[in-house]
Amino acid sequence: MTMFIRLGYDLQFDVPAPLTYVAQLRVHSSRAAELREPDVVHLESTHDAGTVAIDSHEYMDGYGNICTRFVAPAGHLKIWGSTVIADSGEVDAVAWDAQEIPTAELPDEVLVFLLNSRYCEVDLLSPIAYELFGNIAPGWGRVQAICNWVHNKVTFNYAMTRPTKTALDVFTERVGVCRDFQHLAVAFCRCMNIPARYAAGYLGDIGVPLRLPMDFSAWFEVYLDHKWWAFDARNNMPRLGRVLMATGRDAADVAFLTSFGSSTLTNFYVVSEVEEQPEA
């Protein structure tokens, strides 16, 4: 049964000097046909002369993500957007019979998701991964075993993460936030020659107990049976209302906002909730 999800954000920063940004805040192009309202990144700057709109332009990066590039003048920056998406109302797909693809048969564009990346040290974690998961039959069950291990061994704690934290750090420290769970799971999958990519987007508390505050979310996708499938080592259960924004090798490729200089965050608000639609 189709449900409609209100998506939105209000991000505000104090910007001390003109600063270049790249935002990845648009719903992924693979779900554009399901949008029921325009998905626009609104940009405003407030300073002594008043509030003005900021010009921007969009481009698609090498991973197919929609990026919004702009220069914010000194002052108070507000980035906001709101849209509605039609969702199937079904939880994440599960396919226990999905099989791994031999590396010799993988498409060229998928091979990059077997390699080391900024936050996923495949070379350093491979001996550990083979010891933990080498005796598990290839396929969906092996990926689920990786999710189970990470979910059970790593503790969620907002206070115990940092921007430089890698998969190896997570394995050593056994604590982190959702992106840390996914980085370790991604690295383990790659160690076992299962292509895995990091994913970012909305995952509201739909059909589960409410957890505040709301934030953007992270999960990961694996390539089985010539198709990408969503997995989530933090929540480790099929969920409703997962809305993709961007995918990449790891969090460095899919940051919701990248600034080429420093600014101070003053407001962070994200919403993803079911919205009743008026009858036609």
C-alpha atoms as a PDB file:
ATOM      1  CA  MET A   1       0.000   0.000   0.000  1.00  0.00           C
ATOM      2  CA  THR A   2       1.460   3.345  -1.046  1.00  0.00           C
ATOM      3  CA  MET A   3       2.304   5.781   1.727  1.00  0.00           C
ATOM      4  CA  PHE A   4       3.474   9.362   1.428  1.00  0.00           C
ATOM      5  CA  ILE A   5       6.503  10.553   3.361  1.00  0.00           C
ATOM      6  CA  ARG A   6       7.290  14.185   4.116  1.00  0.00           C
ATOM      7  CA  LEU A   7      11.037  14.779   3.788  1.00  0.00           C
ATOM      8  CA  GLY A   8      12.767  17.965   4.819  1.00  0.00           C
ATOM      9  CA  TYR A   9      15.665  19.712   6.493  1.00  0.00           C
ATOM     10  CA  ASP A  10      16.686  23.103   7.897  1.00  0.00           C
ATOM     11  CA  LEU A  11      20.438  23.573   8.255  1.00  0.00           C
ATOM     12  CA  GLN A  12      21.937  26.872   9.414  1.00  0.00           C
ATOM     13  CA  PHE A  13      25.508  28.072   9.752  1.00  0.00           C
ATOM     14  CA  ASP A  14      27.459  31.179  10.704  1.00  0.00           C
ATOM     15  CA  VAL A  15      29.906  31.807   7.858  1.00  0.00           C
ATOM     16  CA  PRO A  16      32.853  34.104   8.746  1.00  0.00           C
ATOM     17  CA  ALA A  17      34.042  34.659   5.152  1.00  0.00           C
ATOM     18  CA  PRO A  18      32.874  33.695   1.632  1.00  0.00           C
ATOM     19  CA  LEU A  19      32.892  29.917   1.454  1.00  0.00           C
ATOM     20  CA  THR A  20      32.375  27.306  -1.261  1.00  0.00           C
ATOM     21  CA  TYR A  21      30.026  24.395  -0.500  1.00  0.00           C
ATOM     22  CA  VAL A  22      28.846  21.223  -2.188  1.00  0.00           C
ATOM     23  CA  ALA A  23      25.567  19.770  -0.888  1.00  0.00           C
ATOM     24  CA  GLN A  24      24.123  16.318  -1.521  1.00  0.00           C
ATOM     25  CA  LEU A  25      20.610  16.943  -0.245  1.00  0.00           C
ATOM     26  CA  ARG A  26      18.472  15.962  -3.211  1.00  0.00           C
ATOM     27  CA  VAL A  27      16.602  12.661  -3.301  1.00  0.00           C
ATOM     28  CA  HIS A  28      18.548  10.233  -5.501  1.00  0.00           C
ATOM     29  CA  SER A  29      17.673  10.300  -9.208  1.00  0.00           C
ATOM     30  CA  SER A  30      16.582   6.647  -9.025  1.00  0.00           C
ATOM     31  CA  ARG A  31      13.549   7.780  -7.018  1.00  0.00           C
ATOM     32  CA  ALA A  32      12.783  11.048  -8.796  1.00  0.00           C
ATOM     33  CA  ALA A  33       9.646   9.635 -10.440  1.00  0.00           C
ATOM     34  CA  GLU A  34       8.119   9.042  -6.993  1.00  0.00           C
ATOM     35  CA  LEU A  35       8.398  12.663  -5.834  1.00  0.00           C
ATOM     36  CA  ARG A  36       5.074  14.439  -5.436  1.00  0.00           C
ATOM     37  CA  GLU A  37       6.488  17.929  -4.826  1.00  0.00           C
ATOM     38  CA  PRO A  38       9.549  19.689  -6.281  1.00  0.00           C
ATOM     39  CA  ASP A  39      12.787  18.689  -4.572  1.00  0.00           C
ATOM     40  CA  VAL A  40      14.646  22.001  -4.371  1.00  0.00           C
ATOM     41  CA  VAL A  41      17.642  23.024  -2.259  1.00  0.00           C
ATOM     42  CA  HIS A  42      16.843  26.569  -1.039  1.00  0.00           C
ATOM     43  CA  LEU A  43      19.792  28.765  -0.078  1.00  0.00           C
ATOM     44  CA  GLU A  44      19.615  32.066   1.813  1.00  0.00           C
ATOM     45  CA  SER A  45      22.194  34.352   3.368  1.00  0.00           C
ATOM     46  CA  THR A  46      21.417  36.957   6.018  1.00  0.00           C
ATOM     47  CA  HIS A  47      23.810  39.795   6.795  1.00  0.00           C
ATOM     48  CA  ASP A  48      23.720  43.534   7.466  1.00  0.00           C
ATOM     49  CA  ALA A  49      22.076  44.278   4.110  1.00  0.00           C
ATOM     50  CA  GLY A  50      19.246  41.800   4.728  1.00  0.00           C
ATOM     51  CA  THR A  51      18.385  38.320   3.452  1.00  0.00           C
ATOM     52  CA  VAL A  52      19.229  37.336  -0.113  1.00  0.00           C
ATOM     53  CA  ALA A  53      18.954  34.147  -2.129  1.00  0.00           C
ATOM     54  CA  ILE A  54      22.210  32.430  -3.079  1.00  0.00           C
ATOM     55  CA  ASP A  55      22.821  31.292  -6.642  1.00  0.00           C
ATOM     56  CA  SER A  56      23.773  27.649  -7.181  1.00  0.00           C
ATOM     57  CA  HIS A  57      24.141  25.074  -9.895  1.00  0.00           C
ATOM     58  CA  GLU A  58      23.773  21.318  -9.923  1.00  0.00           C
ATOM     59  CA  TYR A  59      25.873  18.542 -11.387  1.00  0.00           C
ATOM     60  CA  MET A  60      26.006  14.762 -11.165  1.00  0.00           C
ATOM     61  CA  ASP A  61      29.123  13.245  -9.627  1.00  0.00           C
ATOM     62  CA  GLY A  62      30.889  10.048 -10.681  1.00  0.00           C
ATOM     63  CA  TYR A  63      28.569   7.922  -8.532  1.00  0.00           C
ATOM     64  CA  GLY A  64      25.347   9.315  -9.979  1.00  0.00           C
ATOM     65  CA  ASN A  65      24.574  11.601  -7.027  1.00  0.00           C
ATOM     66  CA  ILE A  66      22.964  15.013  -7.538  1.00  0.00           C
ATOM     67  CA  CYS A  67      25.242  17.714  -6.107  1.00  0.00           C
ATOM     68  CA  THR A  68      24.416  21.375  -5.461  1.00  0.00           C
ATOM     69  CA  ARG A  69      27.400  23.730  -5.629  1.00  0.00           C
ATOM     70  CA  PHE A  70      27.327  27.301  -4.304  1.00  0.00           C
ATOM     71  CA  VAL A  71      29.350  30.069  -2.673  1.00  0.00           C
ATOM     72  CA  ALA A  72      27.940  31.501   0.564  1.00  0.00           C
ATOM     73  CA  PRO A  73      28.903  35.067   1.478  1.00  0.00           C
ATOM     74  CA  ALA A  74      29.912  35.980   5.010  1.00  0.00           C
ATOM     75  CA  GLY A  75      26.863  36.008   7.276  1.00  0.00           C
ATOM     76  CA  HIS A  76      24.192  33.559   8.373  1.00  0.00           C
ATOM     77  CA  LEU A  77      23.564  30.720   5.923  1.00  0.00           C
ATOM     78  CA  LYS A  78      20.254  28.847   5.788  1.00  0.00           C
ATOM     79  CA  ILE A  79      19.848  25.693   3.686  1.00  0.00           C
ATOM     80  CA  TRP A  80      16.379  24.242   3.612  1.00  0.00           C
ATOM     81  CA  GLY A  81      14.126  22.022   1.587  1.00  0.00           C
ATOM     82  CA  SER A  82      10.902  20.043   1.777  1.00  0.00           C
ATOM     83  CA  THR A  83       9.245  17.493  -0.488  1.00  0.00           C
ATOM     84  CA  VAL A  84       6.901  14.499  -0.444  1.00  0.00           C
ATOM     85  CA  ILE A  85       7.699  11.086  -1.870  1.00  0.00           C
ATOM     86  CA  ALA A  86       5.367   8.206  -2.638  1.00  0.00           C
ATOM     87  CA  ASP A  87       6.732   5.029  -1.069  1.00  0.00           C
ATOM     88  CA  SER A  88       5.676   1.424  -1.572  1.00  0.00           C
ATOM     89  CA  GLY A  89       4.983   1.024   2.132  1.00  0.00           C
ATOM     90  CA  GLU A  90       7.004  -2.193   2.085  1.00  0.00           C
ATOM     91  CA  VAL A  91       9.989  -3.012   4.270  1.00  0.00           C
ATOM     92  CA  ASP A  92      13.452  -3.563   2.789  1.00  0.00           C
ATOM     93  CA  ALA A  93      13.588  -6.541   0.432  1.00  0.00           C
ATOM     94  CA  VAL A  94      15.106  -9.783   1.745  1.00  0.00           C
ATOM     95  CA  ALA A  95      16.337 -12.516  -0.636  1.00  0.00           C
ATOM     96  CA  TRP A  96      18.020 -15.387   1.176  1.00  0.00           C
ATOM     97  CA  ASP A  97      18.701 -17.134  -2.139  1.00  0.00           C
ATOM     98  CA  ALA A  98      20.608 -14.168  -3.632  1.00  0.00           C
ATOM     99  CA  GLN A  99      24.083 -15.290  -4.707  1.00  0.00           C
ATOM    100  CA  GLU A 100      27.491 -13.655  -4.836  1.00  0.00           C
ATOM    101  CA  ILE A 101      28.859 -12.895  -8.296  1.00  0.00           C
ATOM    102  CA  PRO A 102      32.389 -14.206  -9.039  1.00  0.00           C
ATOM    103  CA  THR A 103      34.790 -11.292  -9.363  1.00  0.00           C
ATOM    104  CA  ALA A 104      35.611 -12.262 -12.960  1.00  0.00           C
ATOM    105  CA  GLU A 105      31.948 -11.690 -13.870  1.00  0.00           C
ATOM    106  CA  LEU A 106      31.393  -8.374 -12.085  1.00  0.00           C
ATOM    107  CA  PRO A 107      30.590  -5.320 -14.236  1.00  0.00           C
ATOM    108  CA  ASP A 108      33.497  -2.898 -14.619  1.00  0.00           C
ATOM    109  CA  GLU A 109      31.709  -0.129 -12.728  1.00  0.00           C
ATOM    110  CA  VAL A 110      31.187  -2.395  -9.699  1.00  0.00           C
ATOM    111  CA  LEU A 111      34.855  -3.320  -9.157  1.00  0.00           C
ATOM    112  CA  VAL A 112      35.626  -0.041  -7.373  1.00  0.00           C
ATOM    113  CA  PHE A 113      33.382  -1.206  -4.536  1.00  0.00           C
ATOM    114  CA  LEU A 114      35.835  -4.011  -3.731  1.00  0.00           C
ATOM    115  CA  LEU A 115      38.764  -1.660  -3.130  1.00  0.00           C
ATOM    116  CA  ASN A 116      40.220   0.207  -0.183  1.00  0.00           C
ATOM    117  CA  SER A 117      38.716   3.623   0.420  1.00  0.00           C
ATOM    118  CA  ARG A 118      39.213   6.496   2.874  1.00  0.00           C
ATOM    119  CA  TYR A 119      37.265   4.878   5.718  1.00  0.00           C
ATOM    120  CA  CYS A 120      37.320   1.198   4.726  1.00  0.00           C
ATOM    121  CA  GLU A 121      40.734  -0.486   5.026  1.00  0.00           C
ATOM    122  CA  VAL A 122      40.190  -3.727   3.126  1.00  0.00           C
ATOM    123  CA  ASP A 123      43.867  -4.691   3.192  1.00  0.00           C
ATOM    124  CA  LEU A 124      44.196  -4.357   6.971  1.00  0.00           C
ATOM    125  CA  LEU A 125      40.892  -6.049   7.825  1.00  0.00           C
ATOM    126  CA  SER A 126      41.050  -8.976   5.362  1.00  0.00           C
ATOM    127  CA  PRO A 127      42.729 -11.473   7.726  1.00  0.00           C
ATOM    128  CA  ILE A 128      40.143 -10.678  10.409  1.00  0.00           C
ATOM    129  CA  ALA A 129      37.230 -10.961   7.963  1.00  0.00           C
ATOM    130  CA  TYR A 130      38.375 -14.349   6.662  1.00  0.00           C
ATOM    131  CA  GLU A 131      38.759 -15.638  10.205  1.00  0.00           C
ATOM    132  CA  LEU A 132      35.260 -14.471  11.156  1.00  0.00           C
ATOM    133  CA  PHE A 133      33.311 -15.153   7.952  1.00  0.00           C
ATOM    134  CA  GLY A 134      35.437 -17.403   5.747  1.00  0.00           C
ATOM    135  CA  ASN A 135      33.573 -20.564   6.753  1.00  0.00           C
ATOM    136  CA  ILE A 136      30.116 -19.130   6.069  1.00  0.00           C
ATOM    137  CA  ALA A 137      28.479 -20.116   2.765  1.00  0.00           C
ATOM    138  CA  PRO A 138      28.685 -17.329   0.146  1.00  0.00           C
ATOM    139  CA  GLY A 139      25.607 -15.282  -0.617  1.00  0.00           C
ATOM    140  CA  TRP A 140      22.958 -13.398   1.317  1.00  0.00           C
ATOM    141  CA  GLY A 141      23.601 -15.398   4.475  1.00  0.00           C
ATOM    142  CA  ARG A 142      27.239 -14.312   4.616  1.00  0.00           C
ATOM    143  CA  VAL A 143      26.282 -10.634   4.318  1.00  0.00           C
ATOM    144  CA  GLN A 144      23.665 -11.100   7.031  1.00  0.00           C
ATOM    145  CA  ALA A 145      26.274 -12.758   9.246  1.00  0.00           C
ATOM    146  CA  ILE A 146      28.484  -9.692   8.793  1.00  0.00           C
ATOM    147  CA  CYS A 147      25.573  -7.424   9.748  1.00  0.00           C
ATOM    148  CA  ASN A 148      24.814  -9.548  12.787  1.00  0.00           C
ATOM    149  CA  TRP A 149      28.416  -9.452  13.965  1.00  0.00           C
ATOM    150  CA  VAL A 150      28.773  -5.683  13.594  1.00  0.00           C
ATOM    151  CA  HIS A 151      25.351  -5.021  15.141  1.00  0.00           C
ATOM    152  CA  ASN A 152      26.113  -7.222  18.148  1.00  0.00           C
ATOM    153  CA  LYS A 153      29.725  -6.189  18.724  1.00  0.00           C
ATOM    154  CA  VAL A 154      29.542  -2.405  18.210  1.00  0.00           C
ATOM    155  CA  THR A 155      27.744  -0.097  20.647  1.00  0.00           C
ATOM    156  CA  PHE A 156      25.918   3.010  19.413  1.00  0.00           C
ATOM    157  CA  ASN A 157      27.049   6.219  21.121  1.00  0.00           C
ATOM    158  CA  TYR A 158      26.868   9.728  19.622  1.00  0.00           C
ATOM    159  CA  ALA A 159      29.626  10.917  21.950  1.00  0.00           C
ATOM    160  CA  MET A 160      32.109   8.273  20.829  1.00  0.00           C
ATOM    161  CA  THR A 161      32.718   9.087  17.181  1.00  0.00           C
ATOM    162  CA  ARG A 162      34.918  11.498  15.249  1.00  0.00           C
ATOM    163  CA  PRO A 163      35.254  12.583  11.602  1.00  0.00           C
ATOM    164  CA  THR A 164      38.452  10.574  11.127  1.00  0.00           C
ATOM    165  CA  LYS A 165      37.140   7.279  12.517  1.00  0.00           C
ATOM    166  CA  THR A 166      37.746   4.374  10.124  1.00  0.00           C
ATOM    167  CA  ALA A 167      36.455   0.817   9.907  1.00  0.00           C
ATOM    168  CA  LEU A 168      39.597  -0.472  11.622  1.00  0.00           C
ATOM    169  CA  ASP A 169      39.067   2.041  14.438  1.00  0.00           C
ATOM    170  CA  VAL A 170      35.491   0.808  14.838  1.00  0.00           C
ATOM    171  CA  PHE A 171      36.661  -2.806  14.982  1.00  0.00           C
ATOM    172  CA  THR A 172      39.210  -1.867  17.653  1.00  0.00           C
ATOM    173  CA  GLU A 173      37.042   0.466  19.738  1.00  0.00           C
ATOM    174  CA  ARG A 174      33.664  -1.296  19.242  1.00  0.00           C
ATOM    175  CA  VAL A 175      31.656   1.946  19.517  1.00  0.00           C
ATOM    176  CA  GLY A 176      30.337   4.590  17.130  1.00  0.00           C
ATOM    177  CA  VAL A 177      27.366   6.023  15.238  1.00  0.00           C
ATOM    178  CA  CYS A 178      25.438   4.684  12.248  1.00  0.00           C
ATOM    179  CA  ARG A 179      28.126   5.589   9.711  1.00  0.00           C
ATOM    180  CA  ASP A 180      30.726   3.697  11.755  1.00  0.00           C
ATOM    181  CA  PHE A 181      28.589   0.549  11.802  1.00  0.00           C
ATOM    182  CA  GLN A 182      28.214   0.745   8.020  1.00  0.00           C
ATOM    183  CA  HIS A 183      31.903   1.398   7.360  1.00  0.00           C
ATOM    184  CA  LEU A 184      32.924  -1.735   9.230  1.00  0.00           C
ATOM    185  CA  ALA A 185      30.273  -3.854   7.488  1.00  0.00           C
ATOM    186  CA  VAL A 186      31.262  -2.446   4.082  1.00  0.00           C
ATOM    187  CA  ALA A 187      34.922  -3.216   4.718  1.00  0.00           C
ATOM    188  CA  PHE A 188      34.171  -6.783   5.838  1.00  0.00           C
ATOM    189  CA  CYS A 189      32.050  -7.404   2.726  1.00  0.00           C
ATOM    190  CA  ARG A 190      34.791  -6.117   0.441  1.00  0.00           C
ATOM    191  CA  CYS A 191      37.296  -8.318   2.247  1.00  0.00           C
ATOM    192  CA  MET A 192      35.135 -11.289   1.215  1.00  0.00           C
ATOM    193  CA  ASN A 193      34.996 -10.052  -2.429  1.00  0.00           C
ATOM    194  CA  ILE A 194      31.401  -8.878  -2.073  1.00  0.00           C
ATOM    195  CA  PRO A 195      30.990  -5.413  -3.660  1.00  0.00           C
ATOM    196  CA  ALA A 196      29.642  -3.013  -1.045  1.00  0.00           C
ATOM    197  CA  ARG A 197      28.904   0.698  -1.138  1.00  0.00           C
ATOM    198  CA  TYR A 198      27.949   3.258   1.486  1.00  0.00           C
ATOM    199  CA  ALA A 199      24.485   4.833   1.243  1.00  0.00           C
ATOM    200  CA  ALA A 200      23.014   7.952   2.823  1.00  0.00           C
ATOM    201  CA  GLY A 201      19.486   9.269   2.983  1.00  0.00           C
ATOM    202  CA  TYR A 202      16.361   9.490   5.091  1.00  0.00           C
ATOM    203  CA  LEU A 203      15.202   6.765   7.462  1.00  0.00           C
ATOM    204  CA  GLY A 204      12.459   8.086   9.705  1.00  0.00           C
ATOM    205  CA  ASP A 205      11.099   6.232  12.709  1.00  0.00           C
ATOM    206  CA  ILE A 206       8.215   4.770  10.729  1.00  0.00           C
ATOM    207  CA  GLY A 207       6.829   1.561  12.189  1.00  0.00           C
ATOM    208  CA  VAL A 208       9.350   1.561  15.058  1.00  0.00           C
ATOM    209  CA  PRO A 209       9.554   3.366  18.428  1.00  0.00           C
ATOM    210  CA  LEU A 210      10.343   7.074  18.043  1.00  0.00           C
ATOM    211  CA  ARG A 211      13.977   8.048  18.590  1.00  0.00           C
ATOM    212  CA  LEU A 212      14.883  11.713  18.807  1.00  0.00           C
ATOM    213  CA  PRO A 213      16.482  13.799  17.496  1.00  0.00           C
ATOM    214  CA  MET A 214      15.929  12.958  13.833  1.00  0.00           C
ATOM    215  CA  ASP A 215      19.024  12.917  11.616  1.00  0.00           C
ATOM    216  CA  PHE A 216      20.055  11.869   8.150  1.00  0.00           C
ATOM    217  CA  SER A 217      20.860   8.180   8.131  1.00  0.00           C
ATOM    218  CA  ALA A 218      23.442   5.778   6.735  1.00  0.00           C
ATOM    219  CA  TRP A 219      23.179   2.195   5.553  1.00  0.00           C
ATOM    220  CA  PHE A 220      25.015   0.155   2.921  1.00  0.00           C
ATOM    221  CA  GLU A 221      24.250  -1.789  -0.234  1.00  0.00           C
ATOM    222  CA  VAL A 222      25.767  -5.015  -1.539  1.00  0.00           C
ATOM    223  CA  TYR A 223      25.859  -6.391  -5.066  1.00  0.00           C
ATOM    224  CA  LEU A 224      24.297  -9.853  -5.251  1.00  0.00           C
ATOM    225  CA  ASP A 225      22.605 -11.509  -8.249  1.00  0.00           C
ATOM    226  CA  HIS A 226      23.545  -8.482 -10.400  1.00  0.00           C
ATOM    227  CA  LYS A 227      21.501  -6.132  -8.201  1.00  0.00           C
ATOM    228  CA  TRP A 228      22.147  -3.750  -5.321  1.00  0.00           C
ATOM    229  CA  TRP A 229      20.425  -4.647  -2.018  1.00  0.00           C
ATOM    230  CA  ALA A 230      20.066  -2.518   1.135  1.00  0.00           C
ATOM    231  CA  PHE A 231      21.548  -3.742   4.421  1.00  0.00           C
ATOM    232  CA  ASP A 232      21.815  -1.869   7.714  1.00  0.00           C
ATOM    233  CA  ALA A 233      24.330  -2.987  10.331  1.00  0.00           C
ATOM    234  CA  ARG A 234      23.148  -0.415  12.856  1.00  0.00           C
ATOM    235  CA  ASN A 235      19.423  -1.317  12.875  1.00  0.00           C
ATOM    236  CA  ASN A 236      19.868  -4.862  11.493  1.00  0.00           C
ATOM    237  CA  MET A 237      16.240  -5.330  10.536  1.00  0.00           C
ATOM    238  CA  PRO A 238      14.087  -4.586   7.457  1.00  0.00           C
ATOM    239  CA  ARG A 239      12.700  -1.050   7.771  1.00  0.00           C
ATOM    240  CA  LEU A 240       9.954   1.064   6.237  1.00  0.00           C
ATOM    241  CA  GLY A 241      10.473   4.338   4.424  1.00  0.00           C
ATOM    242  CA  ARG A 242      14.148   4.199   3.473  1.00  0.00           C
ATOM    243  CA  VAL A 243      14.757   7.043   0.964  1.00  0.00           C
ATOM    244  CA  LEU A 244      18.113   7.136  -0.817  1.00  0.00           C
ATOM    245  CA  MET A 245      19.978  10.400  -1.366  1.00  0.00           C
ATOM    246  CA  ALA A 246      23.503   9.296  -2.362  1.00  0.00           C
ATOM    247  CA  THR A 247      25.858   6.332  -2.650  1.00  0.00           C
ATOM    248  CA  GLY A 248      29.649   6.116  -2.775  1.00  0.00           C
ATOM    249  CA  ARG A 249      32.710   4.253  -1.583  1.00  0.00           C
ATOM    250  CA  ASP A 250      32.243   5.546   1.976  1.00  0.00           C
ATOM    251  CA  ALA A 251      31.068   8.627   3.866  1.00  0.00           C
ATOM    252  CA  ALA A 252      33.683  10.827   2.192  1.00  0.00           C
ATOM    253  CA  ASP A 253      31.777  10.478  -1.093  1.00  0.00           C
ATOM    254  CA  VAL A 254      28.280  11.151   0.238  1.00  0.00           C
ATOM    255  CA  ALA A 255      28.552  13.918   2.845  1.00  0.00           C
ATOM    256  CA  PHE A 256      25.290  15.873   2.953  1.00  0.00           C
ATOM    257  CA  LEU A 257      27.368  19.056   3.022  1.00  0.00           C
ATOM    258  CA  THR A 258      31.037  19.665   2.231  1.00  0.00           C
ATOM    259  CA  SER A 259      32.606  23.074   2.892  1.00  0.00           C
ATOM    260  CA  PHE A 260      36.003  24.189   1.646  1.00  0.00           C
ATOM    261  CA  GLY A 261      36.739  26.127   4.806  1.00  0.00           C
ATOM    262  CA  SER A 262      35.224  26.451   8.288  1.00  0.00           C
ATOM    263  CA  SER A 263      31.799  27.583   9.454  1.00  0.00           C
ATOM    264  CA  THR A 264      29.750  27.065  12.634  1.00  0.00           C
ATOM    265  CA  LEU A 265      26.600  24.952  12.690  1.00  0.00           C
ATOM    266  CA  THR A 266      23.773  26.765  14.530  1.00  0.00           C
ATOM    267  CA  ASN A 267      20.700  24.711  13.584  1.00  0.00           C
ATOM    268  CA  PHE A 268      20.178  21.145  12.390  1.00  0.00           C
ATOM    269  CA  TYR A 269      16.670  19.845  11.732  1.00  0.00           C
ATOM    270  CA  VAL A 270      15.638  16.832   9.645  1.00  0.00           C
ATOM    271  CA  VAL A 271      12.169  15.344   9.170  1.00  0.00           C
ATOM    272  CA  SER A 272      11.014  12.068   7.605  1.00  0.00           C
ATOM    273  CA  GLU A 273       7.463  11.128   8.580  1.00  0.00           C
ATOM    274  CA  VAL A 274       4.270   9.752   7.088  1.00  0.00           C
ATOM    275  CA  GLU A 275       1.975  12.447   5.772  1.00  0.00           C
ATOM    276  CA  GLU A 276      -1.701  12.000   5.031  1.00  0.00           C
ATOM    277  CA  GLN A 277      -2.659  13.066   1.516  1.00  0.00           C
ATOM    278  CA  PRO A 278      -5.984  14.794   0.800  1.00  0.00           C
ATOM    279  CA  GLU A 279      -8.479  12.712  -1.135  1.00  0.00           C
ATOM    280  CA  ALA A 280      -8.665  13.495  -4.845  1.00  0.00           C
END
